[in-house]
Amino acid sequence: LHDVEQRMREFLEMLNTGYADKHVALMAHKAPQLALE
């Protein structure tokens, strides 16, 4: 799950760079959602 957390951390950094102040939707799975928690 730490590996999933690292993937999600990198994904969030990309989102924050390209989509700051926007509202984005994600469609995914259990572990990535827990990583967001």
Full PDB file with SEQRES, HELIX, SHEET, SSBOND, CRYST1, ORIGX, SCALE, CONECT and MASTER records, all heavy atoms in Angstrom:
SEQRES   1 A   37  LEU HIS ASP VAL GLU GLN ARG MET ARG GLU PHE LEU GLU          
SEQRES   2 A   37  MET LEU ASN THR GLY TYR ALA ASP LYS HIS VAL ALA LEU          
SEQRES   3 A   37  MET ALA HIS LYS ALA PRO GLN LEU ALA LEU GLU                  
HELIX    1 AA1 HIS A    2  GLY A   18  1                                  17    
HELIX    2 AA2 LYS A   30  LEU A   36  1                                   7    
CRYST1    1.000    1.000    1.000  90.00  90.00  90.00 P 1           1          
ORIGX1      1.000000  0.000000  0.000000        0.00000                         
ORIGX2      0.000000  1.000000  0.000000        0.00000                         
ORIGX3      0.000000  0.000000  1.000000        0.00000                         
SCALE1      1.000000  0.000000  0.000000        0.00000                         
SCALE2      0.000000  1.000000  0.000000        0.00000                         
SCALE3      0.000000  0.000000  1.000000        0.00000                         
ATOM      1  N   LEU A   1       0.826  -1.197   0.000  1.00  0.00           N  
ATOM      2  CA  LEU A   1       0.000   0.000   0.000  1.00  0.00           C  
ATOM      3  C   LEU A   1       0.869   1.260   0.000  1.00  0.00           C  
ATOM      4  O   LEU A   1       0.453   2.286  -0.546  1.00  0.00           O  
ATOM      5  CB  LEU A   1      -0.961  -0.014   1.191  1.00  0.00           C  
ATOM      6  CG  LEU A   1      -2.012  -1.118   1.120  1.00  0.00           C  
ATOM      7  CD1 LEU A   1      -2.863  -1.139   2.375  1.00  0.00           C  
ATOM      8  CD2 LEU A   1      -2.888  -0.985  -0.115  1.00  0.00           C  
ATOM      9  N   HIS A   2       2.059   1.180   0.552  1.00  0.00           N  
ATOM     10  CA  HIS A   2       2.976   2.316   0.461  1.00  0.00           C  
ATOM     11  C   HIS A   2       3.359   2.586  -0.999  1.00  0.00           C  
ATOM     12  O   HIS A   2       3.536   3.746  -1.387  1.00  0.00           O  
ATOM     13  CB  HIS A   2       4.235   2.086   1.303  1.00  0.00           C  
ATOM     14  CG  HIS A   2       4.016   2.327   2.762  1.00  0.00           C  
ATOM     15  ND1 HIS A   2       4.865   1.846   3.714  1.00  0.00           N  
ATOM     16  CD2 HIS A   2       3.040   2.989   3.444  1.00  0.00           C  
ATOM     17  CE1 HIS A   2       4.435   2.197   4.910  1.00  0.00           C  
ATOM     18  NE2 HIS A   2       3.318   2.885   4.767  1.00  0.00           N  
ATOM     19  N   ASP A   3       3.448   1.536  -1.805  1.00  0.00           N  
ATOM     20  CA  ASP A   3       3.710   1.724  -3.236  1.00  0.00           C  
ATOM     21  C   ASP A   3       2.547   2.472  -3.890  1.00  0.00           C  
ATOM     22  O   ASP A   3       2.753   3.370  -4.706  1.00  0.00           O  
ATOM     23  CB  ASP A   3       3.911   0.375  -3.936  1.00  0.00           C  
ATOM     24  CG  ASP A   3       5.164  -0.356  -3.479  1.00  0.00           C  
ATOM     25  OD1 ASP A   3       6.169   0.302  -3.145  1.00  0.00           O  
ATOM     26  OD2 ASP A   3       5.133  -1.607  -3.469  1.00  0.00           O  
ATOM     27  N   VAL A   4       1.321   2.091  -3.536  1.00  0.00           N  
ATOM     28  CA  VAL A   4       0.139   2.779  -4.077  1.00  0.00           C  
ATOM     29  C   VAL A   4       0.141   4.232  -3.615  1.00  0.00           C  
ATOM     30  O   VAL A   4      -0.139   5.152  -4.402  1.00  0.00           O  
ATOM     31  CB  VAL A   4      -1.167   2.065  -3.641  1.00  0.00           C  
ATOM     32  CG1 VAL A   4      -2.391   2.832  -4.139  1.00  0.00           C  
ATOM     33  CG2 VAL A   4      -1.190   0.632  -4.140  1.00  0.00           C  
ATOM     34  N   GLU A   5       0.474   4.452  -2.358  1.00  0.00           N  
ATOM     35  CA  GLU A   5       0.542   5.816  -1.821  1.00  0.00           C  
ATOM     36  C   GLU A   5       1.533   6.664  -2.612  1.00  0.00           C  
ATOM     37  O   GLU A   5       1.248   7.827  -2.944  1.00  0.00           O  
ATOM     38  CB  GLU A   5       0.947   5.749  -0.347  1.00  0.00           C  
ATOM     39  CG  GLU A   5       1.065   7.095   0.320  1.00  0.00           C  
ATOM     40  CD  GLU A   5       1.495   6.991   1.776  1.00  0.00           C  
ATOM     41  OE1 GLU A   5       1.490   5.870   2.347  1.00  0.00           O  
ATOM     42  OE2 GLU A   5       1.847   8.034   2.345  1.00  0.00           O  
ATOM     43  N   GLN A   6       2.682   6.098  -2.950  1.00  0.00           N  
ATOM     44  CA  GLN A   6       3.677   6.839  -3.724  1.00  0.00           C  
ATOM     45  C   GLN A   6       3.157   7.170  -5.119  1.00  0.00           C  
ATOM     46  O   GLN A   6       3.345   8.285  -5.612  1.00  0.00           O  
ATOM     47  CB  GLN A   6       4.997   6.062  -3.820  1.00  0.00           C  
ATOM     48  CG  GLN A   6       6.093   6.791  -4.573  1.00  0.00           C  
ATOM     49  CD  GLN A   6       6.428   8.152  -3.972  1.00  0.00           C  
ATOM     50  OE1 GLN A   6       6.431   8.330  -2.757  1.00  0.00           O  
ATOM     51  NE2 GLN A   6       6.697   9.125  -4.827  1.00  0.00           N  
ATOM     52  N   ARG A   7       2.484   6.214  -5.753  1.00  0.00           N  
ATOM     53  CA  ARG A   7       1.888   6.475  -7.079  1.00  0.00           C  
ATOM     54  C   ARG A   7       0.890   7.629  -6.984  1.00  0.00           C  
ATOM     55  O   ARG A   7       0.840   8.511  -7.839  1.00  0.00           O  
ATOM     56  CB  ARG A   7       1.140   5.235  -7.591  1.00  0.00           C  
ATOM     57  CG  ARG A   7       1.977   4.192  -8.217  1.00  0.00           C  
ATOM     58  CD  ARG A   7       1.123   3.210  -9.010  1.00  0.00           C  
ATOM     59  NE  ARG A   7       0.592   2.110  -8.215  1.00  0.00           N  
ATOM     60  CZ  ARG A   7      -0.678   1.762  -8.131  1.00  0.00           C  
ATOM     61  NH1 ARG A   7      -1.605   2.440  -8.769  1.00  0.00           N  
ATOM     62  NH2 ARG A   7      -1.061   0.732  -7.413  1.00  0.00           N  
ATOM     63  N   MET A   8       0.052   7.582  -5.932  1.00  0.00           N  
ATOM     64  CA  MET A   8      -0.970   8.615  -5.776  1.00  0.00           C  
ATOM     65  C   MET A   8      -0.358   9.971  -5.428  1.00  0.00           C  
ATOM     66  O   MET A   8      -0.852  11.010  -5.867  1.00  0.00           O  
ATOM     67  CB  MET A   8      -1.994   8.188  -4.718  1.00  0.00           C  
ATOM     68  CG  MET A   8      -2.881   7.041  -5.172  1.00  0.00           C  
ATOM     69  SD  MET A   8      -3.787   7.392  -6.714  1.00  0.00           S  
ATOM     70  CE  MET A   8      -4.917   8.676  -6.156  1.00  0.00           C  
ATOM     71  N   ARG A   9       0.724   9.976  -4.674  1.00  0.00           N  
ATOM     72  CA  ARG A   9       1.427  11.228  -4.365  1.00  0.00           C  
ATOM     73  C   ARG A   9       1.916  11.865  -5.670  1.00  0.00           C  
ATOM     74  O   ARG A   9       1.724  13.067  -5.903  1.00  0.00           O  
ATOM     75  CB  ARG A   9       2.594  10.966  -3.417  1.00  0.00           C  
ATOM     76  CG  ARG A   9       3.332  12.237  -3.005  1.00  0.00           C  
ATOM     77  CD  ARG A   9       4.456  11.964  -2.021  1.00  0.00           C  
ATOM     78  NE  ARG A   9       3.890  11.710  -0.698  1.00  0.00           N  
ATOM     79  CZ  ARG A   9       3.924  10.537  -0.071  1.00  0.00           C  
ATOM     80  NH1 ARG A   9       4.509   9.498  -0.628  1.00  0.00           N  
ATOM     81  NH2 ARG A   9       3.396  10.395   1.116  1.00  0.00           N  
ATOM     82  N   GLU A  10       2.523  11.056  -6.539  1.00  0.00           N  
ATOM     83  CA  GLU A  10       3.000  11.570  -7.829  1.00  0.00           C  
ATOM     84  C   GLU A  10       1.837  12.055  -8.692  1.00  0.00           C  
ATOM     85  O   GLU A  10       1.932  13.095  -9.357  1.00  0.00           O  
ATOM     86  CB  GLU A  10       3.777  10.478  -8.564  1.00  0.00           C  
ATOM     87  CG  GLU A  10       5.094  10.125  -7.905  1.00  0.00           C  
ATOM     88  CD  GLU A  10       5.723   8.858  -8.472  1.00  0.00           C  
ATOM     89  OE1 GLU A  10       5.225   8.323  -9.487  1.00  0.00           O  
ATOM     90  OE2 GLU A  10       6.718   8.392  -7.892  1.00  0.00           O  
ATOM     91  N   PHE A  11       0.734  11.328  -8.664  1.00  0.00           N  
ATOM     92  CA  PHE A  11      -0.442  11.727  -9.436  1.00  0.00           C  
ATOM     93  C   PHE A  11      -0.977  13.072  -8.933  1.00  0.00           C  
ATOM     94  O   PHE A  11      -1.294  13.961  -9.731  1.00  0.00           O  
ATOM     95  CB  PHE A  11      -1.518  10.633  -9.344  1.00  0.00           C  
ATOM     96  CG  PHE A  11      -2.771  10.978 -10.087  1.00  0.00           C  
ATOM     97  CD1 PHE A  11      -2.829  10.870 -11.463  1.00  0.00           C  
ATOM     98  CD2 PHE A  11      -3.888  11.424  -9.409  1.00  0.00           C  
ATOM     99  CE1 PHE A  11      -3.986  11.208 -12.160  1.00  0.00           C  
ATOM    100  CE2 PHE A  11      -5.051  11.756 -10.093  1.00  0.00           C  
ATOM    101  CZ  PHE A  11      -5.097  11.645 -11.468  1.00  0.00           C  
ATOM    102  N   LEU A  12      -1.079  13.232  -7.615  1.00  0.00           N  
ATOM    103  CA  LEU A  12      -1.572  14.491  -7.047  1.00  0.00           C  
ATOM    104  C   LEU A  12      -0.662  15.663  -7.406  1.00  0.00           C  
ATOM    105  O   LEU A  12      -1.153  16.764  -7.687  1.00  0.00           O  
ATOM    106  CB  LEU A  12      -1.705  14.378  -5.529  1.00  0.00           C  
ATOM    107  CG  LEU A  12      -2.848  13.510  -5.022  1.00  0.00           C  
ATOM    108  CD1 LEU A  12      -2.741  13.312  -3.515  1.00  0.00           C  
ATOM    109  CD2 LEU A  12      -4.203  14.087  -5.397  1.00  0.00           C  
ATOM    110  N   GLU A  13       0.638  15.431  -7.414  1.00  0.00           N  
ATOM    111  CA  GLU A  13       1.572  16.500  -7.796  1.00  0.00           C  
ATOM    112  C   GLU A  13       1.323  16.925  -9.240  1.00  0.00           C  
ATOM    113  O   GLU A  13       1.347  18.119  -9.556  1.00  0.00           O  
ATOM    114  CB  GLU A  13       3.012  16.047  -7.588  1.00  0.00           C  
ATOM    115  CG  GLU A  13       3.392  15.927  -6.130  1.00  0.00           C  
ATOM    116  CD  GLU A  13       4.738  15.267  -5.900  1.00  0.00           C  
ATOM    117  OE1 GLU A  13       5.478  14.996  -6.884  1.00  0.00           O  
ATOM    118  OE2 GLU A  13       5.043  14.988  -4.729  1.00  0.00           O  
ATOM    119  N   MET A  14       1.079  15.951 -10.120  1.00  0.00           N  
ATOM    120  CA  MET A  14       0.768  16.269 -11.514  1.00  0.00           C  
ATOM    121  C   MET A  14      -0.540  17.055 -11.594  1.00  0.00           C  
ATOM    122  O   MET A  14      -0.626  18.062 -12.306  1.00  0.00           O  
ATOM    123  CB  MET A  14       0.675  14.981 -12.336  1.00  0.00           C  
ATOM    124  CG  MET A  14       0.308  15.179 -13.813  1.00  0.00           C  
ATOM    125  SD  MET A  14      -1.469  15.356 -14.192  1.00  0.00           S  
ATOM    126  CE  MET A  14      -2.143  13.820 -13.627  1.00  0.00           C  
ATOM    127  N   LEU A  15      -1.551  16.611 -10.855  1.00  0.00           N  
ATOM    128  CA  LEU A  15      -2.835  17.322 -10.870  1.00  0.00           C  
ATOM    129  C   LEU A  15      -2.674  18.754 -10.386  1.00  0.00           C  
ATOM    130  O   LEU A  15      -3.241  19.676 -10.974  1.00  0.00           O  
ATOM    131  CB  LEU A  15      -3.851  16.617  -9.969  1.00  0.00           C  
ATOM    132  CG  LEU A  15      -4.621  15.431 -10.496  1.00  0.00           C  
ATOM    133  CD1 LEU A  15      -5.654  14.990  -9.465  1.00  0.00           C  
ATOM    134  CD2 LEU A  15      -5.296  15.712 -11.823  1.00  0.00           C  
ATOM    135  N   ASN A  16      -1.933  18.927  -9.319  1.00  0.00           N  
ATOM    136  CA  ASN A  16      -1.771  20.246  -8.740  1.00  0.00           C  
ATOM    137  C   ASN A  16      -1.046  21.193  -9.684  1.00  0.00           C  
ATOM    138  O   ASN A  16      -1.281  22.391  -9.681  1.00  0.00           O  
ATOM    139  CB  ASN A  16      -1.038  20.157  -7.397  1.00  0.00           C  
ATOM    140  CG  ASN A  16      -1.266  21.383  -6.555  1.00  0.00           C  
ATOM    141  OD1 ASN A  16      -2.353  21.937  -6.525  1.00  0.00           O  
ATOM    142  ND2 ASN A  16      -0.232  21.806  -5.860  1.00  0.00           N  
ATOM    143  N   THR A  17      -0.177  20.651 -10.533  1.00  0.00           N  
ATOM    144  CA  THR A  17       0.542  21.465 -11.502  1.00  0.00           C  
ATOM    145  C   THR A  17      -0.364  21.872 -12.663  1.00  0.00           C  
ATOM    146  O   THR A  17      -0.397  23.027 -13.060  1.00  0.00           O  
ATOM    147  CB  THR A  17       1.768  20.696 -12.047  1.00  0.00           C  
ATOM    148  OG1 THR A  17       2.611  20.364 -10.950  1.00  0.00           O  
ATOM    149  CG2 THR A  17       2.525  21.515 -13.060  1.00  0.00           C  
ATOM    150  N   GLY A  18      -1.127  20.927 -13.187  1.00  0.00           N  
ATOM    151  CA  GLY A  18      -1.909  21.205 -14.385  1.00  0.00           C  
ATOM    152  C   GLY A  18      -3.360  21.583 -14.160  1.00  0.00           C  
ATOM    153  O   GLY A  18      -4.016  22.104 -15.063  1.00  0.00           O  
ATOM    154  N   TYR A  19      -3.882  21.342 -12.955  1.00  0.00           N  
ATOM    155  CA  TYR A  19      -5.311  21.545 -12.730  1.00  0.00           C  
ATOM    156  C   TYR A  19      -5.614  22.306 -11.443  1.00  0.00           C  
ATOM    157  O   TYR A  19      -6.708  22.195 -10.894  1.00  0.00           O  
ATOM    158  CB  TYR A  19      -6.034  20.194 -12.717  1.00  0.00           C  
ATOM    159  CG  TYR A  19      -5.957  19.503 -14.055  1.00  0.00           C  
ATOM    160  CD1 TYR A  19      -4.912  18.629 -14.344  1.00  0.00           C  
ATOM    161  CD2 TYR A  19      -6.894  19.761 -15.053  1.00  0.00           C  
ATOM    162  CE1 TYR A  19      -4.818  18.017 -15.583  1.00  0.00           C  
ATOM    163  CE2 TYR A  19      -6.800  19.154 -16.290  1.00  0.00           C  
ATOM    164  CZ  TYR A  19      -5.757  18.289 -16.550  1.00  0.00           C  
ATOM    165  OH  TYR A  19      -5.661  17.687 -17.782  1.00  0.00           O  
ATOM    166  N   ALA A  20      -4.661  23.098 -10.955  1.00  0.00           N  
ATOM    167  CA  ALA A  20      -4.874  23.879  -9.733  1.00  0.00           C  
ATOM    168  C   ALA A  20      -6.137  24.733  -9.892  1.00  0.00           C  
ATOM    169  O   ALA A  20      -6.425  25.251 -10.974  1.00  0.00           O  
ATOM    170  CB  ALA A  20      -3.663  24.753  -9.449  1.00  0.00           C  
ATOM    171  N   ASP A  21      -6.897  24.838  -8.825  1.00  0.00           N  
ATOM    172  CA  ASP A  21      -8.146  25.613  -8.786  1.00  0.00           C  
ATOM    173  C   ASP A  21      -9.227  25.059  -9.707  1.00  0.00           C  
ATOM    174  O   ASP A  21     -10.154  25.773 -10.083  1.00  0.00           O  
ATOM    175  CB  ASP A  21      -7.890  27.096  -9.105  1.00  0.00           C  
ATOM    176  CG  ASP A  21      -7.001  27.735  -8.057  1.00  0.00           C  
ATOM    177  OD1 ASP A  21      -7.168  27.426  -6.865  1.00  0.00           O  
ATOM    178  OD2 ASP A  21      -6.122  28.537  -8.433  1.00  0.00           O  
ATOM    179  N   LYS A  22      -9.106  23.805 -10.077  1.00  0.00           N  
ATOM    180  CA  LYS A  22     -10.130  23.151 -10.905  1.00  0.00           C  
ATOM    181  C   LYS A  22     -10.797  22.049 -10.094  1.00  0.00           C  
ATOM    182  O   LYS A  22     -10.336  21.671  -9.022  1.00  0.00           O  
ATOM    183  CB  LYS A  22      -9.482  22.548 -12.154  1.00  0.00           C  
ATOM    184  CG  LYS A  22      -8.750  23.526 -13.039  1.00  0.00           C  
ATOM    185  CD  LYS A  22      -9.490  23.732 -14.317  1.00  0.00           C  
ATOM    186  CE  LYS A  22      -8.685  24.475 -15.336  1.00  0.00           C  
ATOM    187  NZ  LYS A  22      -8.754  25.890 -15.298  1.00  0.00           N  
ATOM    188  N   HIS A  23     -11.876  21.535 -10.623  1.00  0.00           N  
ATOM    189  CA  HIS A  23     -12.587  20.401 -10.021  1.00  0.00           C  
ATOM    190  C   HIS A  23     -12.429  19.235 -10.987  1.00  0.00           C  
ATOM    191  O   HIS A  23     -12.888  19.296 -12.123  1.00  0.00           O  
ATOM    192  CB  HIS A  23     -14.057  20.755  -9.841  1.00  0.00           C  
ATOM    193  CG  HIS A  23     -14.823  19.754  -9.040  1.00  0.00           C  
ATOM    194  ND1 HIS A  23     -16.119  19.987  -8.653  1.00  0.00           N  
ATOM    195  CD2 HIS A  23     -14.515  18.523  -8.560  1.00  0.00           C  
ATOM    196  CE1 HIS A  23     -16.561  18.947  -7.959  1.00  0.00           C  
ATOM    197  NE2 HIS A  23     -15.605  18.035  -7.896  1.00  0.00           N  
ATOM    198  N   VAL A  24     -11.750  18.186 -10.540  1.00  0.00           N  
ATOM    199  CA  VAL A  24     -11.511  17.022 -11.397  1.00  0.00           C  
ATOM    200  C   VAL A  24     -12.201  15.795 -10.807  1.00  0.00           C  
ATOM    201  O   VAL A  24     -12.402  15.687  -9.597  1.00  0.00           O  
ATOM    202  CB  VAL A  24     -10.009  16.743 -11.602  1.00  0.00           C  
ATOM    203  CG1 VAL A  24      -9.318  17.927 -12.257  1.00  0.00           C  
ATOM    204  CG2 VAL A  24      -9.333  16.377 -10.310  1.00  0.00           C  
ATOM    205  N   ALA A  25     -12.565  14.891 -11.680  1.00  0.00           N  
ATOM    206  CA  ALA A  25     -13.172  13.631 -11.273  1.00  0.00           C  
ATOM    207  C   ALA A  25     -12.154  12.507 -11.480  1.00  0.00           C  
ATOM    208  O   ALA A  25     -11.376  12.537 -12.421  1.00  0.00           O  
ATOM    209  CB  ALA A  25     -14.424  13.353 -12.112  1.00  0.00           C  
ATOM    210  N   LEU A  26     -12.186  11.535 -10.576  1.00  0.00           N  
ATOM    211  CA  LEU A  26     -11.341  10.346 -10.693  1.00  0.00           C  
ATOM    212  C   LEU A  26     -12.239   9.122 -10.667  1.00  0.00           C  
ATOM    213  O   LEU A  26     -13.204   9.077  -9.899  1.00  0.00           O  
ATOM    214  CB  LEU A  26     -10.346  10.239  -9.534  1.00  0.00           C  
ATOM    215  CG  LEU A  26      -9.442  11.434  -9.258  1.00  0.00           C  
ATOM    216  CD1 LEU A  26      -8.504  11.115  -8.094  1.00  0.00           C  
ATOM    217  CD2 LEU A  26      -8.667  11.835 -10.480  1.00  0.00           C  
ATOM    218  N   MET A  27     -11.921   8.127 -11.486  1.00  0.00           N  
ATOM    219  CA  MET A  27     -12.637   6.845 -11.499  1.00  0.00           C  
ATOM    220  C   MET A  27     -11.591   5.770 -11.301  1.00  0.00           C  
ATOM    221  O   MET A  27     -10.747   5.551 -12.169  1.00  0.00           O  
ATOM    222  CB  MET A  27     -13.364   6.636 -12.833  1.00  0.00           C  
ATOM    223  CG  MET A  27     -14.066   5.301 -12.973  1.00  0.00           C  
ATOM    224  SD  MET A  27     -15.568   5.138 -11.984  1.00  0.00           S  
ATOM    225  CE  MET A  27     -16.691   6.222 -12.873  1.00  0.00           C  
ATOM    226  N   ALA A  28     -11.642   5.117 -10.139  1.00  0.00           N  
ATOM    227  CA  ALA A  28     -10.586   4.142  -9.884  1.00  0.00           C  
ATOM    228  C   ALA A  28     -11.049   3.047  -8.921  1.00  0.00           C  
ATOM    229  O   ALA A  28     -12.164   2.546  -9.068  1.00  0.00           O  
ATOM    230  CB  ALA A  28      -9.327   4.847  -9.397  1.00  0.00           C  
ATOM    231  N   HIS A  29     -10.214   2.720  -7.952  1.00  0.00           N  
ATOM    232  CA  HIS A  29     -10.345   1.498  -7.169  1.00  0.00           C  
ATOM    233  C   HIS A  29     -10.197   1.766  -5.676  1.00  0.00           C  
ATOM    234  O   HIS A  29      -9.999   2.893  -5.251  1.00  0.00           O  
ATOM    235  CB  HIS A  29      -9.267   0.500  -7.619  1.00  0.00           C  
ATOM    236  CG  HIS A  29      -9.162   0.368  -9.094  1.00  0.00           C  
ATOM    237  ND1 HIS A  29      -9.934  -0.493  -9.827  1.00  0.00           N  
ATOM    238  CD2 HIS A  29      -8.381   1.026  -9.999  1.00  0.00           C  
ATOM    239  CE1 HIS A  29      -9.630  -0.386 -11.114  1.00  0.00           C  
ATOM    240  NE2 HIS A  29      -8.693   0.526 -11.249  1.00  0.00           N  
ATOM    241  N   LYS A  30     -10.205   0.700  -4.905  1.00  0.00           N  
ATOM    242  CA  LYS A  30     -10.147   0.774  -3.449  1.00  0.00           C  
ATOM    243  C   LYS A  30      -8.826   1.349  -2.929  1.00  0.00           C  
ATOM    244  O   LYS A  30      -8.821   2.328  -2.166  1.00  0.00           O  
ATOM    245  CB  LYS A  30     -10.371  -0.624  -2.860  1.00  0.00           C  
ATOM    246  CG  LYS A  30     -10.299  -0.692  -1.355  1.00  0.00           C  
ATOM    247  CD  LYS A  30     -10.576  -2.114  -0.882  1.00  0.00           C  
ATOM    248  CE  LYS A  30     -10.452  -2.255   0.623  1.00  0.00           C  
ATOM    249  NZ  LYS A  30     -10.817  -3.619   1.066  1.00  0.00           N  
ATOM    250  N   ALA A  31      -7.695   0.753  -3.276  1.00  0.00           N  
ATOM    251  CA  ALA A  31      -6.411   1.184  -2.707  1.00  0.00           C  
ATOM    252  C   ALA A  31      -6.079   2.641  -3.036  1.00  0.00           C  
ATOM    253  O   ALA A  31      -5.621   3.371  -2.146  1.00  0.00           O  
ATOM    254  CB  ALA A  31      -5.283   0.247  -3.135  1.00  0.00           C  
ATOM    255  N   PRO A  32      -6.296   3.116  -4.264  1.00  0.00           N  
ATOM    256  CA  PRO A  32      -6.023   4.536  -4.517  1.00  0.00           C  
ATOM    257  C   PRO A  32      -6.903   5.463  -3.680  1.00  0.00           C  
ATOM    258  O   PRO A  32      -6.450   6.520  -3.238  1.00  0.00           O  
ATOM    259  CB  PRO A  32      -6.305   4.697  -6.017  1.00  0.00           C  
ATOM    260  CG  PRO A  32      -6.108   3.341  -6.584  1.00  0.00           C  
ATOM    261  CD  PRO A  32      -6.580   2.398  -5.515  1.00  0.00           C  
ATOM    262  N   GLN A  33      -8.146   5.058  -3.441  1.00  0.00           N  
ATOM    263  CA  GLN A  33      -9.004   5.896  -2.603  1.00  0.00           C  
ATOM    264  C   GLN A  33      -8.500   5.903  -1.157  1.00  0.00           C  
ATOM    265  O   GLN A  33      -8.458   6.944  -0.504  1.00  0.00           O  
ATOM    266  CB  GLN A  33     -10.456   5.441  -2.641  1.00  0.00           C  
ATOM    267  CG  GLN A  33     -11.350   6.379  -1.834  1.00  0.00           C  
ATOM    268  CD  GLN A  33     -12.815   6.035  -1.877  1.00  0.00           C  
ATOM    269  OE1 GLN A  33     -13.197   4.911  -2.177  1.00  0.00           O  
ATOM    270  NE2 GLN A  33     -13.648   7.019  -1.575  1.00  0.00           N  
ATOM    271  N   LEU A  34      -8.099   4.751  -0.656  1.00  0.00           N  
ATOM    272  CA  LEU A  34      -7.555   4.709   0.698  1.00  0.00           C  
ATOM    273  C   LEU A  34      -6.276   5.551   0.782  1.00  0.00           C  
ATOM    274  O   LEU A  34      -6.027   6.212   1.799  1.00  0.00           O  
ATOM    275  CB  LEU A  34      -7.290   3.268   1.126  1.00  0.00           C  
ATOM    276  CG  LEU A  34      -8.529   2.375   1.267  1.00  0.00           C  
ATOM    277  CD1 LEU A  34      -8.122   0.973   1.705  1.00  0.00           C  
ATOM    278  CD2 LEU A  34      -9.555   2.964   2.209  1.00  0.00           C  
ATOM    279  N   ALA A  35      -5.483   5.557  -0.279  1.00  0.00           N  
ATOM    280  CA  ALA A  35      -4.280   6.395  -0.302  1.00  0.00           C  
ATOM    281  C   ALA A  35      -4.651   7.874  -0.210  1.00  0.00           C  
ATOM    282  O   ALA A  35      -3.955   8.648   0.454  1.00  0.00           O  
ATOM    283  CB  ALA A  35      -3.455   6.117  -1.560  1.00  0.00           C  
ATOM    284  N   LEU A  36      -5.757   8.281  -0.846  1.00  0.00           N  
ATOM    285  CA  LEU A  36      -6.203   9.673  -0.715  1.00  0.00           C  
ATOM    286  C   LEU A  36      -6.605   9.974   0.722  1.00  0.00           C  
ATOM    287  O   LEU A  36      -6.370  11.083   1.224  1.00  0.00           O  
ATOM    288  CB  LEU A  36      -7.381   9.959  -1.649  1.00  0.00           C  
ATOM    289  CG  LEU A  36      -7.069  10.072  -3.131  1.00  0.00           C  
ATOM    290  CD1 LEU A  36      -8.337  10.409  -3.909  1.00  0.00           C  
ATOM    291  CD2 LEU A  36      -5.982  11.092  -3.414  1.00  0.00           C  
ATOM    292  N   GLU A  37      -7.219   9.008   1.387  1.00  0.00           N  
ATOM    293  CA  GLU A  37      -7.571   9.200   2.799  1.00  0.00           C  
ATOM    294  C   GLU A  37      -6.310   9.446   3.627  1.00  0.00           C  
ATOM    295  O   GLU A  37      -6.316  10.268   4.541  1.00  0.00           O  
ATOM    296  CB  GLU A  37      -8.332   7.978   3.325  1.00  0.00           C  
ATOM    297  CG  GLU A  37      -9.718   7.796   2.731  1.00  0.00           C  
ATOM    298  CD  GLU A  37     -10.705   8.872   3.158  1.00  0.00           C  
ATOM    299  OE1 GLU A  37     -10.591   9.392   4.287  1.00  0.00           O  
ATOM    300  OE2 GLU A  37     -11.606   9.187   2.354  1.00  0.00           O  
TER     301      GLU A  37                                                      
MASTER        0    0    0    2    0    0    0    6  300    1    0    3          
END                                                                             
